[in-house]
Each structure stands twice: as C-alpha cells, then as structure tokens.
Amino acid sequence: MPAIILWLMGVPLIVIIPSAQDVENAAKGKESEHAALNDHLEGKGYLFFDFLESLRRRYPDELTKDKFFVATHLNAETNKFLAEEIIKALGLR
C-alpha cells in the first residue's frame, strides 16, 4: 500500500492510494486492507486522505480494478482524478 507524504507549511498530508484488490473489496462491501491504518492515523490526529473514499463517492456503481488500473498502476484518467483530489484536500482550489 503506497503512501505519498506531501508537506504544506510543515504539516504532512498522508495520501493513501488503494490497491486494485482494495477497489474490488470495496465493490463487494468489504473493508479495505488499510482500514486499520486509517483508524490509527485518525486516532493520532494526523491529516490524511484516503483516495478509495473519493473513488467510492465518484464511482459508486463502477468500482472495478479494470476501470482504474493498468496492471498494478493507476491509469491516466484515475491519476488525473487523484491529482485533483489532492489539490482539493490541500485547499489549493
């Protein structure tokens, strides 16, 4: 599970990027593999952004790994959406 840490004025934003399996599990209503990490980060008061939640909101009926991934990487359209969501999370737009 990759995480990208961005810094804005000394405060990190931890970005959780789901795996293809997380997307498939979400489509089946299952908990993500990183749910415990999210709980830990929230409990510690860390600023984090879980991209799986954005995918769930925007594509509630289209959660398939083929829609978002090419092999094990996010496709171009999904990468663009991720960048837009990070910008929003940082309050830059």
Protein backbone atom coordinates (compact mmCIF):
# COMPACT_ATOMS: atom_id res chain seq x y z
CA MET A 1 0.00 0.00 0.00
CA PRO A 2 1.81 3.13 -1.17
CA ALA A 3 1.51 6.39 0.70
CA ILE A 4 2.71 9.74 -0.54
CA ILE A 5 3.56 12.35 2.04
CA LEU A 6 3.18 15.95 0.95
CA TRP A 7 4.25 18.90 3.04
CA LEU A 8 2.30 22.12 3.32
CA MET A 9 3.53 24.65 5.84
CA GLY A 10 5.20 21.86 7.83
CA VAL A 11 2.04 19.78 8.21
CA PRO A 12 2.12 16.46 6.34
CA LEU A 13 -0.80 15.21 4.31
CA ILE A 14 -0.62 11.43 4.07
CA VAL A 15 -2.24 10.15 0.87
CA ILE A 16 -3.44 6.55 0.96
CA ILE A 17 -3.68 5.04 -2.52
CA PRO A 18 -5.73 1.84 -2.72
CA SER A 19 -4.59 -1.33 -4.40
CA ALA A 20 -6.64 -2.99 -7.12
CA GLN A 21 -7.71 -5.53 -4.50
CA ASP A 22 -8.95 -2.72 -2.24
CA VAL A 23 -11.11 -1.45 -5.09
CA GLU A 24 -12.52 -4.93 -5.72
CA ASN A 25 -13.17 -5.41 -1.99
CA ALA A 26 -14.93 -2.04 -1.78
CA ALA A 27 -17.22 -3.08 -4.64
CA LYS A 28 -18.19 -6.12 -2.55
CA GLY A 29 -18.76 -4.01 0.56
CA LYS A 30 -15.67 -5.39 2.29
CA GLU A 31 -13.30 -3.40 4.49
CA SER A 32 -10.13 -2.12 2.83
CA GLU A 33 -6.75 -3.63 3.62
CA HIS A 34 -5.67 -0.30 5.09
CA ALA A 35 -8.70 0.35 7.33
CA ALA A 36 -6.61 -0.22 10.46
CA LEU A 37 -4.05 2.31 9.20
CA ASN A 38 -6.80 4.88 8.65
CA ASP A 39 -8.07 4.26 12.19
CA HIS A 40 -4.56 4.68 13.58
CA LEU A 41 -3.91 7.90 11.65
CA GLU A 42 -7.27 9.32 12.70
CA GLY A 43 -6.64 8.35 16.32
CA LYS A 44 -3.29 10.14 16.27
CA GLY A 45 -4.86 13.23 14.71
CA TYR A 46 -2.80 13.04 11.51
CA LEU A 47 -4.03 14.74 8.37
CA PHE A 48 -4.63 12.03 5.80
CA PHE A 49 -6.54 11.49 2.60
CA ASP A 50 -7.84 8.07 1.54
CA PHE A 51 -8.26 8.04 -2.24
CA LEU A 52 -10.52 4.98 -2.05
CA GLU A 53 -13.19 7.16 -0.45
CA SER A 54 -13.02 9.55 -3.40
CA LEU A 55 -13.43 6.65 -5.81
CA ARG A 56 -16.41 5.37 -3.82
CA ARG A 57 -18.09 8.79 -3.93
CA ARG A 58 -17.48 9.46 -7.61
CA TYR A 59 -17.99 5.93 -8.96
CA PRO A 60 -20.30 4.14 -6.50
CA ASP A 61 -21.51 1.63 -9.10
CA GLU A 62 -18.29 1.29 -11.10
CA LEU A 63 -15.71 0.06 -8.58
CA THR A 64 -13.68 -2.40 -10.64
CA LYS A 65 -9.95 -2.70 -10.91
CA ASP A 66 -10.21 -2.62 -14.72
CA LYS A 67 -11.78 0.85 -14.59
CA PHE A 68 -8.92 2.38 -12.56
CA PHE A 69 -5.81 0.25 -13.14
CA VAL A 70 -3.50 -0.85 -15.91
CA ALA A 71 -1.77 -3.90 -14.46
CA THR A 72 -0.79 -2.67 -10.99
CA HIS A 73 -0.71 1.06 -11.78
CA LEU A 74 -3.45 3.66 -11.81
CA ASN A 75 -4.47 4.58 -15.34
CA ALA A 76 -4.10 8.12 -16.73
CA GLU A 77 -7.70 9.18 -16.02
CA THR A 78 -7.51 7.93 -12.43
CA ASN A 79 -4.15 9.63 -11.88
CA LYS A 80 -5.67 12.90 -13.04
CA PHE A 81 -8.59 12.45 -10.64
CA LEU A 82 -6.15 11.65 -7.81
CA ALA A 83 -4.19 14.85 -8.51
CA GLU A 84 -7.42 16.89 -8.48
CA GLU A 85 -8.47 15.32 -5.17
CA ILE A 86 -5.05 16.02 -3.59
CA ILE A 87 -5.28 19.66 -4.68
CA LYS A 88 -8.73 19.89 -3.08
CA ALA A 89 -7.52 18.17 0.12
CA LEU A 90 -4.69 20.69 0.39
CA GLY A 91 -7.17 23.53 -0.06
CA LEU A 92 -5.35 24.84 -3.13
CA ARG A 93 -8.51 25.04 -5.21
